[in-house]
Amino acid sequence: MCCFFAALVFFGPRLGFLIYWLIAPVRVNAAFATFNLPWLVGLAGLIFAPWTALMYVLIFPLNGFDWVWLGFGIMADVASYI
């Protein structure tokens, strides 16, 4: 059971972000369009910081209280790597 939860924490946000990217690629590309290679930034987010990338795409564009949600994504990434 512990291995199941570990796999869910590791693959859950990555799978969710990948499915969201396949369903709404325009929204994901719009979120990362300010970078030189938006697909590379999205892929790096998928690999290294999936919670942050998923949260960034869901709340894009960032306004006011949205930074708190992005902070939760960063904390979730840090917690999943510890």
PDB file of N, CA and C in Angstrom:
ATOM      1  N   MET A   1       0.819  -1.192   0.000  1.00  0.00           N
ATOM      2  CA  MET A   1       0.000   0.000   0.000  1.00  0.00           C
ATOM      3  C   MET A   1       0.865   1.258   0.000  1.00  0.00           C
ATOM      4  N   CYS A   2       1.982   1.199   0.709  1.00  0.00           N
ATOM      5  CA  CYS A   2       2.880   2.350   0.755  1.00  0.00           C
ATOM      6  C   CYS A   2       3.463   2.636  -0.630  1.00  0.00           C
ATOM      7  N   CYS A   3       3.770   1.589  -1.375  1.00  0.00           N
ATOM      8  CA  CYS A   3       4.311   1.778  -2.731  1.00  0.00           C
ATOM      9  C   CYS A   3       3.273   2.412  -3.652  1.00  0.00           C
ATOM     10  N   PHE A   4       2.015   2.078  -3.432  1.00  0.00           N
ATOM     11  CA  PHE A   4       0.947   2.678  -4.232  1.00  0.00           C
ATOM     12  C   PHE A   4       0.872   4.182  -3.993  1.00  0.00           C
ATOM     13  N   PHE A   5       0.925   4.596  -2.733  1.00  0.00           N
ATOM     14  CA  PHE A   5       0.872   6.025  -2.424  1.00  0.00           C
ATOM     15  C   PHE A   5       2.108   6.754  -2.929  1.00  0.00           C
ATOM     16  N   ALA A   6       3.258   6.120  -2.845  1.00  0.00           N
ATOM     17  CA  ALA A   6       4.482   6.733  -3.367  1.00  0.00           C
ATOM     18  C   ALA A   6       4.389   6.905  -4.882  1.00  0.00           C
ATOM     19  N   ALA A   7       3.866   5.910  -5.567  1.00  0.00           N
ATOM     20  CA  ALA A   7       3.699   6.014  -7.018  1.00  0.00           C
ATOM     21  C   ALA A   7       2.658   7.071  -7.371  1.00  0.00           C
ATOM     22  N   LEU A   8       1.607   7.179  -6.580  1.00  0.00           N
ATOM     23  CA  LEU A   8       0.574   8.181  -6.829  1.00  0.00           C
ATOM     24  C   LEU A   8       1.115   9.593  -6.643  1.00  0.00           C
ATOM     25  N   VAL A   9       1.936   9.801  -5.615  1.00  0.00           N
ATOM     26  CA  VAL A   9       2.539  11.119  -5.397  1.00  0.00           C
ATOM     27  C   VAL A   9       3.496  11.456  -6.525  1.00  0.00           C
ATOM     28  N   PHE A  10       4.237  10.458  -7.004  1.00  0.00           N
ATOM     29  CA  PHE A  10       5.228  10.716  -8.044  1.00  0.00           C
ATOM     30  C   PHE A  10       4.594  10.891  -9.416  1.00  0.00           C
ATOM     31  N   PHE A  11       3.673  10.016  -9.788  1.00  0.00           N
ATOM     32  CA  PHE A  11       3.103  10.048 -11.136  1.00  0.00           C
ATOM     33  C   PHE A  11       1.807  10.843 -11.243  1.00  0.00           C
ATOM     34  N   GLY A  12       1.127  11.096 -10.152  1.00  0.00           N
ATOM     35  CA  GLY A  12      -0.163  11.776 -10.181  1.00  0.00           C
ATOM     36  C   GLY A  12      -0.149  13.129 -10.868  1.00  0.00           C
ATOM     37  N   PRO A  13       0.674  14.076 -10.396  1.00  0.00           N
ATOM     38  CA  PRO A  13       0.667  15.389 -11.046  1.00  0.00           C
ATOM     39  C   PRO A  13       1.237  15.356 -12.458  1.00  0.00           C
ATOM     40  N   ARG A  14       2.183  14.477 -12.703  1.00  0.00           N
ATOM     41  CA  ARG A  14       2.754  14.373 -14.050  1.00  0.00           C
ATOM     42  C   ARG A  14       1.709  13.862 -15.036  1.00  0.00           C
ATOM     43  N   LEU A  15       0.978  12.856 -14.629  1.00  0.00           N
ATOM     44  CA  LEU A  15      -0.068  12.315 -15.489  1.00  0.00           C
ATOM     45  C   LEU A  15      -1.191  13.332 -15.686  1.00  0.00           C
ATOM     46  N   GLY A  16      -1.558  14.030 -14.612  1.00  0.00           N
ATOM     47  CA  GLY A  16      -2.592  15.055 -14.726  1.00  0.00           C
ATOM     48  C   GLY A  16      -2.186  16.189 -15.651  1.00  0.00           C
ATOM     49  N   PHE A  17      -0.930  16.641 -15.533  1.00  0.00           N
ATOM     50  CA  PHE A  17      -0.442  17.712 -16.404  1.00  0.00           C
ATOM     51  C   PHE A  17      -0.355  17.242 -17.842  1.00  0.00           C
ATOM     52  N   LEU A  18       0.075  16.012 -18.061  1.00  0.00           N
ATOM     53  CA  LEU A  18       0.173  15.474 -19.419  1.00  0.00           C
ATOM     54  C   LEU A  18      -1.205  15.351 -20.066  1.00  0.00           C
ATOM     55  N   ILE A  19      -2.186  14.869 -19.325  1.00  0.00           N
ATOM     56  CA  ILE A  19      -3.547  14.763 -19.854  1.00  0.00           C
ATOM     57  C   ILE A  19      -4.112  16.147 -20.152  1.00  0.00           C
ATOM     58  N   TYR A  20      -3.859  17.101 -19.254  1.00  0.00           N
ATOM     59  CA  TYR A  20      -4.342  18.467 -19.495  1.00  0.00           C
ATOM     60  C   TYR A  20      -3.670  19.066 -20.718  1.00  0.00           C
ATOM     61  N   TRP A  21      -2.396  18.771 -20.915  1.00  0.00           N
ATOM     62  CA  TRP A  21      -1.666  19.278 -22.078  1.00  0.00           C
ATOM     63  C   TRP A  21      -2.221  18.677 -23.369  1.00  0.00           C
ATOM     64  N   LEU A  22      -2.635  17.411 -23.323  1.00  0.00           N
ATOM     65  CA  LEU A  22      -3.216  16.780 -24.506  1.00  0.00           C
ATOM     66  C   LEU A  22      -4.630  17.288 -24.796  1.00  0.00           C
ATOM     67  N   ILE A  23      -5.379  17.626 -23.749  1.00  0.00           N
ATOM     68  CA  ILE A  23      -6.752  18.094 -23.930  1.00  0.00           C
ATOM     69  C   ILE A  23      -6.793  19.566 -24.340  1.00  0.00           C
ATOM     70  N   ALA A  24      -5.975  20.403 -23.705  1.00  0.00           N
ATOM     71  CA  ALA A  24      -5.991  21.850 -23.979  1.00  0.00           C
ATOM     72  C   ALA A  24      -4.582  22.356 -24.291  1.00  0.00           C
ATOM     73  N   PRO A  25      -4.019  21.966 -25.428  1.00  0.00           N
ATOM     74  CA  PRO A  25      -2.640  22.389 -25.722  1.00  0.00           C
ATOM     75  C   PRO A  25      -2.504  23.891 -25.954  1.00  0.00           C
ATOM     76  N   VAL A  26      -3.561  24.535 -26.403  1.00  0.00           N
ATOM     77  CA  VAL A  26      -3.489  25.979 -26.648  1.00  0.00           C
ATOM     78  C   VAL A  26      -3.318  26.738 -25.336  1.00  0.00           C
ATOM     79  N   ARG A  27      -4.026  26.301 -24.308  1.00  0.00           N
ATOM     80  CA  ARG A  27      -3.917  26.970 -23.003  1.00  0.00           C
ATOM     81  C   ARG A  27      -2.537  26.768 -22.390  1.00  0.00           C
ATOM     82  N   VAL A  28      -1.983  25.579 -22.522  1.00  0.00           N
ATOM     83  CA  VAL A  28      -0.646  25.316 -21.992  1.00  0.00           C
ATOM     84  C   VAL A  28       0.385  26.131 -22.765  1.00  0.00           C
ATOM     85  N   ASN A  29       0.265  26.176 -24.076  1.00  0.00           N
ATOM     86  CA  ASN A  29       1.199  26.963 -24.880  1.00  0.00           C
ATOM     87  C   ASN A  29       1.058  28.454 -24.591  1.00  0.00           C
ATOM     88  N   ALA A  30      -0.152  28.922 -24.323  1.00  0.00           N
ATOM     89  CA  ALA A  30      -0.346  30.333 -23.981  1.00  0.00           C
ATOM     90  C   ALA A  30       0.290  30.666 -22.638  1.00  0.00           C
ATOM     91  N   ALA A  31       0.231  29.725 -21.701  1.00  0.00           N
ATOM     92  CA  ALA A  31       0.823  29.968 -20.387  1.00  0.00           C
ATOM     93  C   ALA A  31       2.339  30.072 -20.471  1.00  0.00           C
ATOM     94  N   PHE A  32       2.951  29.270 -21.313  1.00  0.00           N
ATOM     95  CA  PHE A  32       4.408  29.268 -21.415  1.00  0.00           C
ATOM     96  C   PHE A  32       4.909  30.052 -22.625  1.00  0.00           C
ATOM     97  N   ALA A  33       4.069  30.845 -23.269  1.00  0.00           N
ATOM     98  CA  ALA A  33       4.445  31.543 -24.502  1.00  0.00           C
ATOM     99  C   ALA A  33       5.468  32.645 -24.282  1.00  0.00           C
ATOM    100  N   THR A  34       5.621  33.132 -23.054  1.00  0.00           N
ATOM    101  CA  THR A  34       6.574  34.213 -22.808  1.00  0.00           C
ATOM    102  C   THR A  34       8.013  33.717 -22.806  1.00  0.00           C
ATOM    103  N   PHE A  35       8.221  32.424 -22.769  1.00  0.00           N
ATOM    104  CA  PHE A  35       9.562  31.850 -22.793  1.00  0.00           C
ATOM    105  C   PHE A  35       9.976  31.588 -24.242  1.00  0.00           C
ATOM    106  N   ASN A  36      11.273  31.443 -24.471  1.00  0.00           N
ATOM    107  CA  ASN A  36      11.772  31.239 -25.836  1.00  0.00           C
ATOM    108  C   ASN A  36      11.281  29.931 -26.443  1.00  0.00           C
ATOM    109  N   LEU A  37      11.357  28.851 -25.694  1.00  0.00           N
ATOM    110  CA  LEU A  37      10.903  27.538 -26.163  1.00  0.00           C
ATOM    111  C   LEU A  37       9.788  27.051 -25.239  1.00  0.00           C
ATOM    112  N   PRO A  38       8.536  27.411 -25.527  1.00  0.00           N
ATOM    113  CA  PRO A  38       7.455  27.071 -24.591  1.00  0.00           C
ATOM    114  C   PRO A  38       7.275  25.576 -24.379  1.00  0.00           C
ATOM    115  N   TRP A  39       7.473  24.768 -25.398  1.00  0.00           N
ATOM    116  CA  TRP A  39       7.302  23.324 -25.229  1.00  0.00           C
ATOM    117  C   TRP A  39       8.398  22.761 -24.331  1.00  0.00           C
ATOM    118  N   LEU A  40       9.599  23.347 -24.374  1.00  0.00           N
ATOM    119  CA  LEU A  40      10.698  22.870 -23.539  1.00  0.00           C
ATOM    120  C   LEU A  40      10.475  23.235 -22.074  1.00  0.00           C
ATOM    121  N   VAL A  41       9.947  24.427 -21.833  1.00  0.00           N
ATOM    122  CA  VAL A  41       9.639  24.843 -20.464  1.00  0.00           C
ATOM    123  C   VAL A  41       8.515  23.979 -19.899  1.00  0.00           C
ATOM    124  N   GLY A  42       7.515  23.690 -20.713  1.00  0.00           N
ATOM    125  CA  GLY A  42       6.438  22.803 -20.270  1.00  0.00           C
ATOM    126  C   GLY A  42       6.932  21.403 -19.973  1.00  0.00           C
ATOM    127  N   LEU A  43       7.825  20.901 -20.809  1.00  0.00           N
ATOM    128  CA  LEU A  43       8.398  19.573 -20.588  1.00  0.00           C
ATOM    129  C   LEU A  43       9.271  19.547 -19.339  1.00  0.00           C
ATOM    130  N   ALA A  44      10.054  20.602 -19.117  1.00  0.00           N
ATOM    131  CA  ALA A  44      10.872  20.685 -17.907  1.00  0.00           C
ATOM    132  C   ALA A  44       9.987  20.754 -16.667  1.00  0.00           C
ATOM    133  N   GLY A  45       8.887  21.497 -16.761  1.00  0.00           N
ATOM    134  CA  GLY A  45       7.946  21.538 -15.651  1.00  0.00           C
ATOM    135  C   GLY A  45       7.304  20.189 -15.403  1.00  0.00           C
ATOM    136  N   LEU A  46       7.016  19.475 -16.456  1.00  0.00           N
ATOM    137  CA  LEU A  46       6.436  18.136 -16.338  1.00  0.00           C
ATOM    138  C   LEU A  46       7.396  17.182 -15.641  1.00  0.00           C
ATOM    139  N   ILE A  47       8.676  17.302 -15.919  1.00  0.00           N
ATOM    140  CA  ILE A  47       9.666  16.387 -15.356  1.00  0.00           C
ATOM    141  C   ILE A  47      10.100  16.801 -13.953  1.00  0.00           C
ATOM    142  N   PHE A  48      10.443  18.079 -13.758  1.00  0.00           N
ATOM    143  CA  PHE A  48      11.083  18.501 -12.515  1.00  0.00           C
ATOM    144  C   PHE A  48      10.148  19.142 -11.494  1.00  0.00           C
ATOM    145  N   ALA A  49       9.132  19.847 -11.922  1.00  0.00           N
ATOM    146  CA  ALA A  49       8.232  20.550 -11.000  1.00  0.00           C
ATOM    147  C   ALA A  49       6.789  20.413 -11.475  1.00  0.00           C
ATOM    148  N   PRO A  50       6.222  19.213 -11.407  1.00  0.00           N
ATOM    149  CA  PRO A  50       4.893  19.001 -11.991  1.00  0.00           C
ATOM    150  C   PRO A  50       3.767  19.748 -11.276  1.00  0.00           C
ATOM    151  N   TRP A  51       3.810  19.830  -9.947  1.00  0.00           N
ATOM    152  CA  TRP A  51       2.751  20.543  -9.233  1.00  0.00           C
ATOM    153  C   TRP A  51       2.773  22.022  -9.571  1.00  0.00           C
ATOM    154  N   THR A  52       3.971  22.601  -9.637  1.00  0.00           N
ATOM    155  CA  THR A  52       4.091  24.021  -9.960  1.00  0.00           C
ATOM    156  C   THR A  52       3.648  24.296 -11.389  1.00  0.00           C
ATOM    157  N   ALA A  53       4.060  23.460 -12.324  1.00  0.00           N
ATOM    158  CA  ALA A  53       3.671  23.649 -13.725  1.00  0.00           C
ATOM    159  C   ALA A  53       2.165  23.491 -13.895  1.00  0.00           C
ATOM    160  N   LEU A  54       1.592  22.492 -13.246  1.00  0.00           N
ATOM    161  CA  LEU A  54       0.147  22.282 -13.337  1.00  0.00           C
ATOM    162  C   LEU A  54      -0.611  23.468 -12.747  1.00  0.00           C
ATOM    163  N   MET A  55      -0.164  23.944 -11.599  1.00  0.00           N
ATOM    164  CA  MET A  55      -0.826  25.080 -10.968  1.00  0.00           C
ATOM    165  C   MET A  55      -0.666  26.345 -11.807  1.00  0.00           C
ATOM    166  N   TYR A  56       0.506  26.535 -12.402  1.00  0.00           N
ATOM    167  CA  TYR A  56       0.750  27.720 -13.238  1.00  0.00           C
ATOM    168  C   TYR A  56      -0.174  27.736 -14.453  1.00  0.00           C
ATOM    169  N   VAL A  57      -0.346  26.591 -15.067  1.00  0.00           N
ATOM    170  CA  VAL A  57      -1.211  26.521 -16.249  1.00  0.00           C
ATOM    171  C   VAL A  57      -2.677  26.702 -15.864  1.00  0.00           C
ATOM    172  N   LEU A  58      -3.090  26.141 -14.748  1.00  0.00           N
ATOM    173  CA  LEU A  58      -4.495  26.243 -14.346  1.00  0.00           C
ATOM    174  C   LEU A  58      -4.899  27.661 -13.962  1.00  0.00           C
ATOM    175  N   ILE A  59      -3.985  28.434 -13.353  1.00  0.00           N
ATOM    176  CA  ILE A  59      -4.356  29.769 -12.881  1.00  0.00           C
ATOM    177  C   ILE A  59      -3.832  30.885 -13.774  1.00  0.00           C
ATOM    178  N   PHE A  60      -3.241  30.539 -14.919  1.00  0.00           N
ATOM    179  CA  PHE A  60      -2.698  31.560 -15.815  1.00  0.00           C
ATOM    180  C   PHE A  60      -3.810  32.426 -16.369  1.00  0.00           C
ATOM    181  N   PRO A  61      -3.699  33.728 -16.448  1.00  0.00           N
ATOM    182  CA  PRO A  61      -2.610  34.619 -16.038  1.00  0.00           C
ATOM    183  C   PRO A  61      -2.644  34.886 -14.537  1.00  0.00           C
ATOM    184  N   LEU A  62      -1.481  35.137 -13.974  1.00  0.00           N
ATOM    185  CA  LEU A  62      -1.348  35.325 -12.530  1.00  0.00           C
ATOM    186  C   LEU A  62      -1.784  36.724 -12.127  1.00  0.00           C
ATOM    187  N   ASN A  63      -2.742  36.780 -11.217  1.00  0.00           N
ATOM    188  CA  ASN A  63      -3.252  38.053 -10.701  1.00  0.00           C
ATOM    189  C   ASN A  63      -3.490  37.918  -9.211  1.00  0.00           C
ATOM    190  N   GLY A  64      -2.971  38.833  -8.428  1.00  0.00           N
ATOM    191  CA  GLY A  64      -3.281  38.932  -7.010  1.00  0.00           C
ATOM    192  C   GLY A  64      -3.102  37.650  -6.221  1.00  0.00           C
ATOM    193  N   PHE A  65      -4.224  37.059  -5.799  1.00  0.00           N
ATOM    194  CA  PHE A  65      -4.221  35.892  -4.919  1.00  0.00           C
ATOM    195  C   PHE A  65      -3.708  34.633  -5.613  1.00  0.00           C
ATOM    196  N   ASP A  66      -3.585  34.649  -6.921  1.00  0.00           N
ATOM    197  CA  ASP A  66      -3.113  33.475  -7.663  1.00  0.00           C
ATOM    198  C   ASP A  66      -1.691  33.088  -7.275  1.00  0.00           C
ATOM    199  N   TRP A  67      -0.909  34.056  -6.803  1.00  0.00           N
ATOM    200  CA  TRP A  67       0.456  33.747  -6.382  1.00  0.00           C
ATOM    201  C   TRP A  67       0.462  32.800  -5.187  1.00  0.00           C
ATOM    202  N   VAL A  68      -0.571  32.860  -4.360  1.00  0.00           N
ATOM    203  CA  VAL A  68      -0.675  31.938  -3.223  1.00  0.00           C
ATOM    204  C   VAL A  68      -0.850  30.512  -3.727  1.00  0.00           C
ATOM    205  N   TRP A  69      -1.692  30.318  -4.742  1.00  0.00           N
ATOM    206  CA  TRP A  69      -1.887  28.981  -5.315  1.00  0.00           C
ATOM    207  C   TRP A  69      -0.598  28.463  -5.935  1.00  0.00           C
ATOM    208  N   LEU A  70       0.144  29.347  -6.590  1.00  0.00           N
ATOM    209  CA  LEU A  70       1.427  28.946  -7.156  1.00  0.00           C
ATOM    210  C   LEU A  70       2.401  28.566  -6.047  1.00  0.00           C
ATOM    211  N   GLY A  71       2.346  29.272  -4.936  1.00  0.00           N
ATOM    212  CA  GLY A  71       3.164  28.911  -3.777  1.00  0.00           C
ATOM    213  C   GLY A  71       2.803  27.538  -3.237  1.00  0.00           C
ATOM    214  N   PHE A  72       1.515  27.197  -3.236  1.00  0.00           N
ATOM    215  CA  PHE A  72       1.100  25.850  -2.825  1.00  0.00           C
ATOM    216  C   PHE A  72       1.667  24.792  -3.767  1.00  0.00           C
ATOM    217  N   GLY A  73       1.712  25.105  -5.053  1.00  0.00           N
ATOM    218  CA  GLY A  73       2.308  24.179  -6.011  1.00  0.00           C
ATOM    219  C   GLY A  73       3.786  23.971  -5.753  1.00  0.00           C
ATOM    220  N   ILE A  74       4.493  25.050  -5.444  1.00  0.00           N
ATOM    221  CA  ILE A  74       5.921  24.940  -5.133  1.00  0.00           C
ATOM    222  C   ILE A  74       6.125  24.125  -3.865  1.00  0.00           C
ATOM    223  N   MET A  75       5.303  24.383  -2.847  1.00  0.00           N
ATOM    224  CA  MET A  75       5.430  23.613  -1.605  1.00  0.00           C
ATOM    225  C   MET A  75       5.117  22.139  -1.833  1.00  0.00           C
ATOM    226  N   ALA A  76       4.160  21.837  -2.691  1.00  0.00           N
ATOM    227  CA  ALA A  76       3.840  20.437  -2.991  1.00  0.00           C
ATOM    228  C   ALA A  76       4.996  19.761  -3.713  1.00  0.00           C
ATOM    229  N   ASP A  77       5.676  20.483  -4.613  1.00  0.00           N
ATOM    230  CA  ASP A  77       6.847  19.915  -5.284  1.00  0.00           C
ATOM    231  C   ASP A  77       7.969  19.643  -4.296  1.00  0.00           C
ATOM    232  N   VAL A  78       8.226  20.589  -3.422  1.00  0.00           N
ATOM    233  CA  VAL A  78       9.284  20.400  -2.424  1.00  0.00           C
ATOM    234  C   VAL A  78       8.935  19.233  -1.506  1.00  0.00           C
ATOM    235  N   ALA A  79       7.683  19.146  -1.092  1.00  0.00           N
ATOM    236  CA  ALA A  79       7.267  18.062  -0.199  1.00  0.00           C
ATOM    237  C   ALA A  79       7.333  16.702  -0.884  1.00  0.00           C
ATOM    238  N   SER A  80       7.091  16.652  -2.173  1.00  0.00           N
ATOM    239  CA  SER A  80       7.127  15.352  -2.852  1.00  0.00           C
ATOM    240  C   SER A  80       8.550  14.877  -3.109  1.00  0.00           C
ATOM    241  N   TYR A  81       9.515  15.800  -3.108  1.00  0.00           N
ATOM    242  CA  TYR A  81      10.908  15.396  -3.306  1.00  0.00           C
ATOM    243  C   TYR A  81      11.622  15.079  -2.001  1.00  0.00           C
ATOM    244  N   ILE A  82      11.054  15.480  -0.869  1.00  0.00           N
ATOM    245  CA  ILE A  82      11.714  15.225   0.430  1.00  0.00           C
ATOM    246  C   ILE A  82      11.402  13.851   0.926  1.00  0.00           C
TER     247      ILE A  82
END
